[in-house]
Protein backbone atom coordinates (compact mmCIF):
# COMPACT_ATOMS: atom_id res chain seq x y z
CA MET A 1 0.22 -0.48 -0.28
CA GLY A 2 1.20 3.55 -1.21
CA PHE A 3 0.30 7.01 -1.32
CA ILE A 4 0.53 9.17 -4.19
CA PHE A 5 0.29 13.21 -3.25
CA VAL A 6 0.67 16.76 -4.22
CA ARG A 7 1.28 19.56 -1.99
CA PRO A 8 1.71 23.10 -2.87
CA GLN A 9 2.94 25.84 -1.38
CA PRO A 10 1.42 26.06 2.19
CA ALA A 11 -0.43 29.15 3.43
CA LYS A 12 -0.04 32.16 6.03
CA GLY A 13 0.22 30.00 9.19
CA GLY A 14 2.06 26.54 7.47
CA GLU A 15 -0.58 24.44 6.38
CA TYR A 16 -1.22 22.90 2.87
CA SER A 17 -4.57 24.31 1.76
CA ASN A 18 -4.56 21.87 -0.58
CA VAL A 19 -3.01 18.39 -0.65
CA SER A 20 -4.70 16.25 -2.54
CA GLU A 21 -3.58 12.43 -2.09
CA VAL A 22 -4.66 9.27 -3.39
CA LYS A 23 -4.14 5.66 -1.76
CA VAL A 24 -2.81 3.10 -3.66
CA ARG A 25 -5.47 0.08 -2.76
CA GLU A 26 -4.61 -3.32 -2.85
CA GLY A 27 -4.03 -4.97 -5.74
CA GLU A 28 -4.35 -1.97 -7.59
CA THR A 29 -1.78 -1.36 -10.57
CA PHE A 30 0.25 1.92 -10.60
CA GLU A 31 -1.07 2.87 -13.46
CA SER A 32 -4.65 2.86 -11.96
CA ALA A 33 -3.55 4.87 -9.05
CA LEU A 34 -1.74 7.08 -11.02
CA ARG A 35 -5.57 7.65 -13.36
CA ARG A 36 -7.56 8.00 -10.32
CA PHE A 37 -5.15 10.70 -9.17
CA ASN A 38 -4.72 12.69 -12.09
CA LYS A 39 -8.64 12.87 -12.50
CA LYS A 40 -8.30 14.33 -8.54
CA ILE A 41 -6.19 16.74 -9.45
CA LYS A 42 -8.11 18.06 -12.76
CA GLN A 43 -10.86 18.71 -10.52
CA ASN A 44 -9.15 20.57 -7.96
CA GLY A 45 -8.04 22.67 -10.62
CA ILE A 46 -4.17 22.01 -9.39
CA LEU A 47 -2.98 21.40 -12.67
CA SER A 48 -4.24 24.48 -14.48
CA GLU A 49 -2.43 26.60 -11.72
CA VAL A 50 0.76 25.61 -11.94
CA ARG A 51 0.21 25.60 -15.60
CA ARG A 52 -0.63 28.94 -14.45
CA ARG A 53 2.29 29.99 -12.26
CA GLU A 54 5.00 28.66 -14.46
CA HIS A 55 5.98 31.59 -16.00
CA TYR A 56 5.69 35.37 -14.30
CA GLU A 57 2.95 37.17 -15.67
CA LYS A 58 3.14 40.94 -15.26
CA PRO A 59 -0.01 42.56 -13.35
CA SER A 60 -0.23 44.68 -16.52
CA VAL A 61 -0.95 41.19 -18.85
CA ARG A 62 -2.80 39.40 -15.92
CA ARG A 63 -5.37 42.85 -16.38
CA LYS A 64 -5.04 42.61 -20.25
CA ARG A 65 -6.40 39.00 -20.20
CA LYS A 66 -8.93 39.12 -17.09
CA LEU A 67 -10.73 41.68 -19.82
CA VAL A 68 -10.54 39.34 -22.87
CA ALA A 69 -12.22 37.12 -21.08
CA ALA A 70 -14.89 39.03 -19.76
CA LYS A 71 -15.54 41.07 -23.08
CA LYS A 72 -15.50 37.03 -24.98
CA ARG A 73 -17.80 36.09 -21.98
CA ARG A 74 -19.76 39.26 -22.51
CA LEU A 75 -20.28 38.35 -26.51
CA LYS A 76 -21.37 34.24 -25.70
CA ALA A 77 -24.50 35.82 -23.55
CA GLY A 78 -25.38 38.13 -25.43
């Protein structure tokens, strides 16, 4: 029996806010445990967070990206 887990950076106070872990069941293959783990990470949004933080994004670029996304949402809704 083993564990697969990801620990993001600790929040203020040293506590981990979003720990994703999967306990490997007895007789379960590593591939199926890894598949469950990947599914759990996608559901928690950890993977998209990691990709977003992969490179530094200037505040002006972040604002512009959010404005473009808001415009797209408004056009789609209306």
